[in-house]
Amino acid sequence: MKTKPKGKYAWSVTVGEKGQIVIPKQARAIFGIEPGDSLLLLGDEKRGIAIPPKDSMTELFSTIFEGGGEE
């Protein structure tokens, strides 16, 4: 039996009528997401949607503004 890679997770969520999703409790605990936090939702038509952890924003913005993304 295969074990999951350390630090890798997958959750299933349902989109409500207003387009809202609920972030699972375990995910909120692992990533330190608290009520009132603002999150960045990233989308790529080829790769999908990502919600990066709060502490990765500095690295993310550096990559974006240094030309790390495709045009």
PDB file of N, CA and C in Angstrom:
ATOM      1  N   MET A   1       0.838  -1.188   0.000  1.00  0.00           N
ATOM      2  CA  MET A   1       0.000   0.000   0.000  1.00  0.00           C
ATOM      3  C   MET A   1       0.881   1.248   0.000  1.00  0.00           C
ATOM      4  N   LYS A   2       0.561   2.190  -0.882  1.00  0.00           N
ATOM      5  CA  LYS A   2       1.318   3.434  -0.955  1.00  0.00           C
ATOM      6  C   LYS A   2       0.920   4.367   0.177  1.00  0.00           C
ATOM      7  N   THR A   3       1.894   5.083   0.684  1.00  0.00           N
ATOM      8  CA  THR A   3       1.602   6.117   1.676  1.00  0.00           C
ATOM      9  C   THR A   3       1.670   7.464   0.975  1.00  0.00           C
ATOM     10  N   LYS A   4       0.919   8.418   1.505  1.00  0.00           N
ATOM     11  CA  LYS A   4       0.916   9.743   0.878  1.00  0.00           C
ATOM     12  C   LYS A   4       2.236  10.451   1.161  1.00  0.00           C
ATOM     13  N   PRO A   5       2.675  11.278   0.226  1.00  0.00           N
ATOM     14  CA  PRO A   5       3.907  12.044   0.456  1.00  0.00           C
ATOM     15  C   PRO A   5       3.745  12.968   1.661  1.00  0.00           C
ATOM     16  N   LYS A   6       4.784  13.077   2.454  1.00  0.00           N
ATOM     17  CA  LYS A   6       4.746  13.930   3.638  1.00  0.00           C
ATOM     18  C   LYS A   6       4.453  15.377   3.242  1.00  0.00           C
ATOM     19  N   GLY A   7       3.518  15.984   3.961  1.00  0.00           N
ATOM     20  CA  GLY A   7       3.173  17.381   3.732  1.00  0.00           C
ATOM     21  C   GLY A   7       2.232  17.615   2.566  1.00  0.00           C
ATOM     22  N   LYS A   8       1.748  16.565   1.941  1.00  0.00           N
ATOM     23  CA  LYS A   8       0.824  16.695   0.805  1.00  0.00           C
ATOM     24  C   LYS A   8      -0.577  16.303   1.258  1.00  0.00           C
ATOM     25  N   TYR A   9      -1.575  17.090   0.864  1.00  0.00           N
ATOM     26  CA  TYR A   9      -2.955  16.873   1.292  1.00  0.00           C
ATOM     27  C   TYR A   9      -3.893  17.060   0.122  1.00  0.00           C
ATOM     28  N   ALA A  10      -5.065  16.495   0.229  1.00  0.00           N
ATOM     29  CA  ALA A  10      -6.123  16.713  -0.752  1.00  0.00           C
ATOM     30  C   ALA A  10      -7.451  16.695  -0.005  1.00  0.00           C
ATOM     31  N   TRP A  11      -8.305  17.661  -0.304  1.00  0.00           N
ATOM     32  CA  TRP A  11      -9.629  17.732   0.289  1.00  0.00           C
ATOM     33  C   TRP A  11     -10.642  17.931  -0.820  1.00  0.00           C
ATOM     34  N   SER A  12     -11.849  17.547  -0.544  1.00  0.00           N
ATOM     35  CA  SER A  12     -12.947  17.771  -1.473  1.00  0.00           C
ATOM     36  C   SER A  12     -13.869  18.824  -0.861  1.00  0.00           C
ATOM     37  N   VAL A  13     -14.285  19.791  -1.666  1.00  0.00           N
ATOM     38  CA  VAL A  13     -15.209  20.822  -1.194  1.00  0.00           C
ATOM     39  C   VAL A  13     -16.355  20.942  -2.184  1.00  0.00           C
ATOM     40  N   THR A  14     -17.455  21.497  -1.717  1.00  0.00           N
ATOM     41  CA  THR A  14     -18.625  21.710  -2.561  1.00  0.00           C
ATOM     42  C   THR A  14     -18.829  23.207  -2.747  1.00  0.00           C
ATOM     43  N   VAL A  15     -19.111  23.616  -3.969  1.00  0.00           N
ATOM     44  CA  VAL A  15     -19.372  25.015  -4.254  1.00  0.00           C
ATOM     45  C   VAL A  15     -20.858  25.271  -4.025  1.00  0.00           C
ATOM     46  N   GLY A  16     -21.160  26.274  -3.176  1.00  0.00           N
ATOM     47  CA  GLY A  16     -22.537  26.627  -2.881  1.00  0.00           C
ATOM     48  C   GLY A  16     -23.173  27.457  -3.986  1.00  0.00           C
ATOM     49  N   GLU A  17     -24.434  27.762  -3.822  1.00  0.00           N
ATOM     50  CA  GLU A  17     -25.189  28.522  -4.826  1.00  0.00           C
ATOM     51  C   GLU A  17     -24.588  29.887  -5.128  1.00  0.00           C
ATOM     52  N   LYS A  18     -23.936  30.490  -4.141  1.00  0.00           N
ATOM     53  CA  LYS A  18     -23.327  31.810  -4.333  1.00  0.00           C
ATOM     54  C   LYS A  18     -21.860  31.715  -4.752  1.00  0.00           C
ATOM     55  N   GLY A  19     -21.399  30.505  -5.092  1.00  0.00           N
ATOM     56  CA  GLY A  19     -20.018  30.326  -5.521  1.00  0.00           C
ATOM     57  C   GLY A  19     -19.035  30.202  -4.366  1.00  0.00           C
ATOM     58  N   GLN A  20     -19.521  30.045  -3.157  1.00  0.00           N
ATOM     59  CA  GLN A  20     -18.659  29.964  -1.981  1.00  0.00           C
ATOM     60  C   GLN A  20     -18.252  28.518  -1.702  1.00  0.00           C
ATOM     61  N   ILE A  21     -17.052  28.373  -1.145  1.00  0.00           N
ATOM     62  CA  ILE A  21     -16.604  27.069  -0.681  1.00  0.00           C
ATOM     63  C   ILE A  21     -16.238  27.185   0.797  1.00  0.00           C
ATOM     64  N   VAL A  22     -16.286  26.074   1.500  1.00  0.00           N
ATOM     65  CA  VAL A  22     -15.858  26.030   2.888  1.00  0.00           C
ATOM     66  C   VAL A  22     -14.501  25.339   2.917  1.00  0.00           C
ATOM     67  N   ILE A  23     -13.515  25.992   3.505  1.00  0.00           N
ATOM     68  CA  ILE A  23     -12.193  25.387   3.634  1.00  0.00           C
ATOM     69  C   ILE A  23     -12.265  24.410   4.803  1.00  0.00           C
ATOM     70  N   PRO A  24     -11.928  23.140   4.582  1.00  0.00           N
ATOM     71  CA  PRO A  24     -12.031  22.139   5.645  1.00  0.00           C
ATOM     72  C   PRO A  24     -11.245  22.529   6.899  1.00  0.00           C
ATOM     73  N   LYS A  25     -11.768  22.135   8.049  1.00  0.00           N
ATOM     74  CA  LYS A  25     -11.167  22.475   9.346  1.00  0.00           C
ATOM     75  C   LYS A  25      -9.703  22.061   9.405  1.00  0.00           C
ATOM     76  N   GLN A  26      -9.384  20.849   8.943  1.00  0.00           N
ATOM     77  CA  GLN A  26      -8.001  20.379   8.978  1.00  0.00           C
ATOM     78  C   GLN A  26      -7.100  21.294   8.145  1.00  0.00           C
ATOM     79  N   ALA A  27      -7.566  21.717   6.985  1.00  0.00           N
ATOM     80  CA  ALA A  27      -6.778  22.608   6.129  1.00  0.00           C
ATOM     81  C   ALA A  27      -6.573  23.962   6.812  1.00  0.00           C
ATOM     82  N   ARG A  28      -7.632  24.487   7.433  1.00  0.00           N
ATOM     83  CA  ARG A  28      -7.499  25.780   8.146  1.00  0.00           C
ATOM     84  C   ARG A  28      -6.491  25.664   9.271  1.00  0.00           C
ATOM     85  N   ALA A  29      -6.510  24.560   9.986  1.00  0.00           N
ATOM     86  CA  ALA A  29      -5.567  24.366  11.104  1.00  0.00           C
ATOM     87  C   ALA A  29      -4.128  24.240  10.596  1.00  0.00           C
ATOM     88  N   ILE A  30      -3.921  23.438   9.578  1.00  0.00           N
ATOM     89  CA  ILE A  30      -2.574  23.217   9.046  1.00  0.00           C
ATOM     90  C   ILE A  30      -1.969  24.514   8.518  1.00  0.00           C
ATOM     91  N   PHE A  31      -2.779  25.312   7.818  1.00  0.00           N
ATOM     92  CA  PHE A  31      -2.260  26.519   7.178  1.00  0.00           C
ATOM     93  C   PHE A  31      -2.517  27.796   7.966  1.00  0.00           C
ATOM     94  N   GLY A  32      -3.045  27.669   9.186  1.00  0.00           N
ATOM     95  CA  GLY A  32      -3.219  28.828  10.055  1.00  0.00           C
ATOM     96  C   GLY A  32      -4.220  29.837   9.539  1.00  0.00           C
ATOM     97  N   ILE A  33      -5.272  29.369   8.879  1.00  0.00           N
ATOM     98  CA  ILE A  33      -6.289  30.269   8.338  1.00  0.00           C
ATOM     99  C   ILE A  33      -7.315  30.551   9.426  1.00  0.00           C
ATOM    100  N   GLU A  34      -7.505  31.824   9.725  1.00  0.00           N
ATOM    101  CA  GLU A  34      -8.406  32.257  10.795  1.00  0.00           C
ATOM    102  C   GLU A  34      -9.569  33.055  10.208  1.00  0.00           C
ATOM    103  N   PRO A  35     -10.695  33.117  10.925  1.00  0.00           N
ATOM    104  CA  PRO A  35     -11.812  33.952  10.460  1.00  0.00           C
ATOM    105  C   PRO A  35     -11.343  35.391  10.223  1.00  0.00           C
ATOM    106  N   GLY A  36     -11.762  35.973   9.131  1.00  0.00           N
ATOM    107  CA  GLY A  36     -11.376  37.343   8.795  1.00  0.00           C
ATOM    108  C   GLY A  36     -10.116  37.446   7.948  1.00  0.00           C
ATOM    109  N   ASP A  37      -9.370  36.340   7.795  1.00  0.00           N
ATOM    110  CA  ASP A  37      -8.172  36.371   6.951  1.00  0.00           C
ATOM    111  C   ASP A  37      -8.566  36.611   5.499  1.00  0.00           C
ATOM    112  N   SER A  38      -7.695  37.278   4.778  1.00  0.00           N
ATOM    113  CA  SER A  38      -7.866  37.433   3.336  1.00  0.00           C
ATOM    114  C   SER A  38      -6.946  36.439   2.655  1.00  0.00           C
ATOM    115  N   LEU A  39      -7.460  35.769   1.641  1.00  0.00           N
ATOM    116  CA  LEU A  39      -6.669  34.796   0.907  1.00  0.00           C
ATOM    117  C   LEU A  39      -6.567  35.223  -0.544  1.00  0.00           C
ATOM    118  N   LEU A  40      -5.502  34.821  -1.192  1.00  0.00           N
ATOM    119  CA  LEU A  40      -5.298  35.101  -2.598  1.00  0.00           C
ATOM    120  C   LEU A  40      -5.661  33.854  -3.380  1.00  0.00           C
ATOM    121  N   LEU A  41      -6.541  33.987  -4.344  1.00  0.00           N
ATOM    122  CA  LEU A  41      -6.958  32.884  -5.198  1.00  0.00           C
ATOM    123  C   LEU A  41      -6.299  33.088  -6.551  1.00  0.00           C
ATOM    124  N   LEU A  42      -5.486  32.127  -6.975  1.00  0.00           N
ATOM    125  CA  LEU A  42      -4.782  32.219  -8.243  1.00  0.00           C
ATOM    126  C   LEU A  42      -5.401  31.249  -9.230  1.00  0.00           C
ATOM    127  N   GLY A  43      -5.529  31.653 -10.476  1.00  0.00           N
ATOM    128  CA  GLY A  43      -6.097  30.774 -11.484  1.00  0.00           C
ATOM    129  C   GLY A  43      -5.283  30.754 -12.753  1.00  0.00           C
ATOM    130  N   ASP A  44      -5.163  29.586 -13.318  1.00  0.00           N
ATOM    131  CA  ASP A  44      -4.487  29.381 -14.588  1.00  0.00           C
ATOM    132  C   ASP A  44      -5.377  28.446 -15.391  1.00  0.00           C
ATOM    133  N   GLU A  45      -5.833  28.870 -16.562  1.00  0.00           N
ATOM    134  CA  GLU A  45      -6.773  28.072 -17.340  1.00  0.00           C
ATOM    135  C   GLU A  45      -6.233  26.688 -17.683  1.00  0.00           C
ATOM    136  N   LYS A  46      -4.926  26.533 -17.743  1.00  0.00           N
ATOM    137  CA  LYS A  46      -4.329  25.235 -18.060  1.00  0.00           C
ATOM    138  C   LYS A  46      -4.021  24.402 -16.816  1.00  0.00           C
ATOM    139  N   ARG A  47      -3.635  25.051 -15.723  1.00  0.00           N
ATOM    140  CA  ARG A  47      -3.184  24.313 -14.544  1.00  0.00           C
ATOM    141  C   ARG A  47      -4.202  24.269 -13.416  1.00  0.00           C
ATOM    142  N   GLY A  48      -5.188  25.165 -13.396  1.00  0.00           N
ATOM    143  CA  GLY A  48      -6.217  25.139 -12.365  1.00  0.00           C
ATOM    144  C   GLY A  48      -6.133  26.294 -11.392  1.00  0.00           C
ATOM    145  N   ILE A  49      -6.741  26.092 -10.232  1.00  0.00           N
ATOM    146  CA  ILE A  49      -6.848  27.124  -9.198  1.00  0.00           C
ATOM    147  C   ILE A  49      -5.953  26.745  -8.021  1.00  0.00           C
ATOM    148  N   ALA A  50      -5.341  27.745  -7.418  1.00  0.00           N
ATOM    149  CA  ALA A  50      -4.494  27.524  -6.239  1.00  0.00           C
ATOM    150  C   ALA A  50      -4.784  28.594  -5.200  1.00  0.00           C
ATOM    151  N   ILE A  51      -4.742  28.204  -3.952  1.00  0.00           N
ATOM    152  CA  ILE A  51      -4.838  29.134  -2.825  1.00  0.00           C
ATOM    153  C   ILE A  51      -3.565  28.922  -2.007  1.00  0.00           C
ATOM    154  N   PRO A  52      -2.535  29.726  -2.264  1.00  0.00           N
ATOM    155  CA  PRO A  52      -1.262  29.506  -1.582  1.00  0.00           C
ATOM    156  C   PRO A  52      -1.319  29.890  -0.108  1.00  0.00           C
ATOM    157  N   PRO A  53      -0.494  29.237   0.732  1.00  0.00           N
ATOM    158  CA  PRO A  53      -0.431  29.607   2.148  1.00  0.00           C
ATOM    159  C   PRO A  53       0.016  31.051   2.318  1.00  0.00           C
ATOM    160  N   LYS A  54      -0.449  31.671   3.398  1.00  0.00           N
ATOM    161  CA  LYS A  54      -0.149  33.085   3.648  1.00  0.00           C
ATOM    162  C   LYS A  54       1.347  33.373   3.644  1.00  0.00           C
ATOM    163  N   ASP A  55       2.141  32.495   4.234  1.00  0.00           N
ATOM    164  CA  ASP A  55       3.567  32.776   4.365  1.00  0.00           C
ATOM    165  C   ASP A  55       4.342  32.631   3.061  1.00  0.00           C
ATOM    166  N   SER A  56       3.703  32.215   1.989  1.00  0.00           N
ATOM    167  CA  SER A  56       4.399  32.088   0.712  1.00  0.00           C
ATOM    168  C   SER A  56       4.194  33.308  -0.186  1.00  0.00           C
ATOM    169  N   MET A  57       3.476  34.309   0.282  1.00  0.00           N
ATOM    170  CA  MET A  57       3.153  35.462  -0.559  1.00  0.00           C
ATOM    171  C   MET A  57       4.394  36.230  -1.009  1.00  0.00           C
ATOM    172  N   THR A  58       5.359  36.424  -0.157  1.00  0.00           N
ATOM    173  CA  THR A  58       6.563  37.172  -0.533  1.00  0.00           C
ATOM    174  C   THR A  58       7.278  36.470  -1.671  1.00  0.00           C
ATOM    175  N   GLU A  59       7.473  35.157  -1.534  1.00  0.00           N
ATOM    176  CA  GLU A  59       8.130  34.380  -2.584  1.00  0.00           C
ATOM    177  C   GLU A  59       7.308  34.401  -3.876  1.00  0.00           C
ATOM    178  N   LEU A  60       6.010  34.279  -3.732  1.00  0.00           N
ATOM    179  CA  LEU A  60       5.117  34.280  -4.890  1.00  0.00           C
ATOM    180  C   LEU A  60       5.209  35.603  -5.656  1.00  0.00           C
ATOM    181  N   PHE A  61       5.087  36.710  -4.946  1.00  0.00           N
ATOM    182  CA  PHE A  61       5.144  38.009  -5.611  1.00  0.00           C
ATOM    183  C   PHE A  61       6.504  38.261  -6.245  1.00  0.00           C
ATOM    184  N   SER A  62       7.569  37.790  -5.619  1.00  0.00           N
ATOM    185  CA  SER A  62       8.895  37.929  -6.217  1.00  0.00           C
ATOM    186  C   SER A  62       8.953  37.205  -7.548  1.00  0.00           C
ATOM    187  N   THR A  63       8.411  36.001  -7.605  1.00  0.00           N
ATOM    188  CA  THR A  63       8.389  35.228  -8.842  1.00  0.00           C
ATOM    189  C   THR A  63       7.578  35.932  -9.914  1.00  0.00           C
ATOM    190  N   ILE A  64       6.398  36.423  -9.543  1.00  0.00           N
ATOM    191  CA  ILE A  64       5.525  37.097 -10.512  1.00  0.00           C
ATOM    192  C   ILE A  64       6.204  38.343 -11.084  1.00  0.00           C
ATOM    193  N   PHE A  65       6.752  39.186 -10.212  1.00  0.00           N
ATOM    194  CA  PHE A  65       7.293  40.451 -10.674  1.00  0.00           C
ATOM    195  C   PHE A  65       8.686  40.337 -11.273  1.00  0.00           C
ATOM    196  N   GLU A  66       9.311  39.180 -11.159  1.00  0.00           N
ATOM    197  CA  GLU A  66      10.606  38.962 -11.805  1.00  0.00           C
ATOM    198  C   GLU A  66      10.440  38.260 -13.141  1.00  0.00           C
ATOM    199  N   GLY A  67       9.200  38.169 -13.631  1.00  0.00           N
ATOM    200  CA  GLY A  67       8.953  37.577 -14.934  1.00  0.00           C
ATOM    201  C   GLY A  67       8.917  36.065 -14.919  1.00  0.00           C
ATOM    202  N   GLY A  68       8.603  35.469 -13.765  1.00  0.00           N
ATOM    203  CA  GLY A  68       8.582  34.015 -13.654  1.00  0.00           C
ATOM    204  C   GLY A  68       7.383  33.353 -14.303  1.00  0.00           C
ATOM    205  N   GLY A  69       6.339  34.115 -14.639  1.00  0.00           N
ATOM    206  CA  GLY A  69       5.137  33.509 -15.216  1.00  0.00           C
ATOM    207  C   GLY A  69       5.128  33.578 -16.727  1.00  0.00           C
ATOM    208  N   GLU A  70       4.298  32.710 -17.340  1.00  0.00           N
ATOM    209  CA  GLU A  70       4.139  32.737 -18.795  1.00  0.00           C
ATOM    210  C   GLU A  70       3.194  33.853 -19.197  1.00  0.00           C
ATOM    211  N   GLU A  71       3.360  34.346 -20.399  1.00  0.00           N
ATOM    212  CA  GLU A  71       2.442  35.360 -20.929  1.00  0.00           C
ATOM    213  C   GLU A  71       1.583  34.772 -21.996  1.00  0.00           C
TER     214      GLU A  71
END
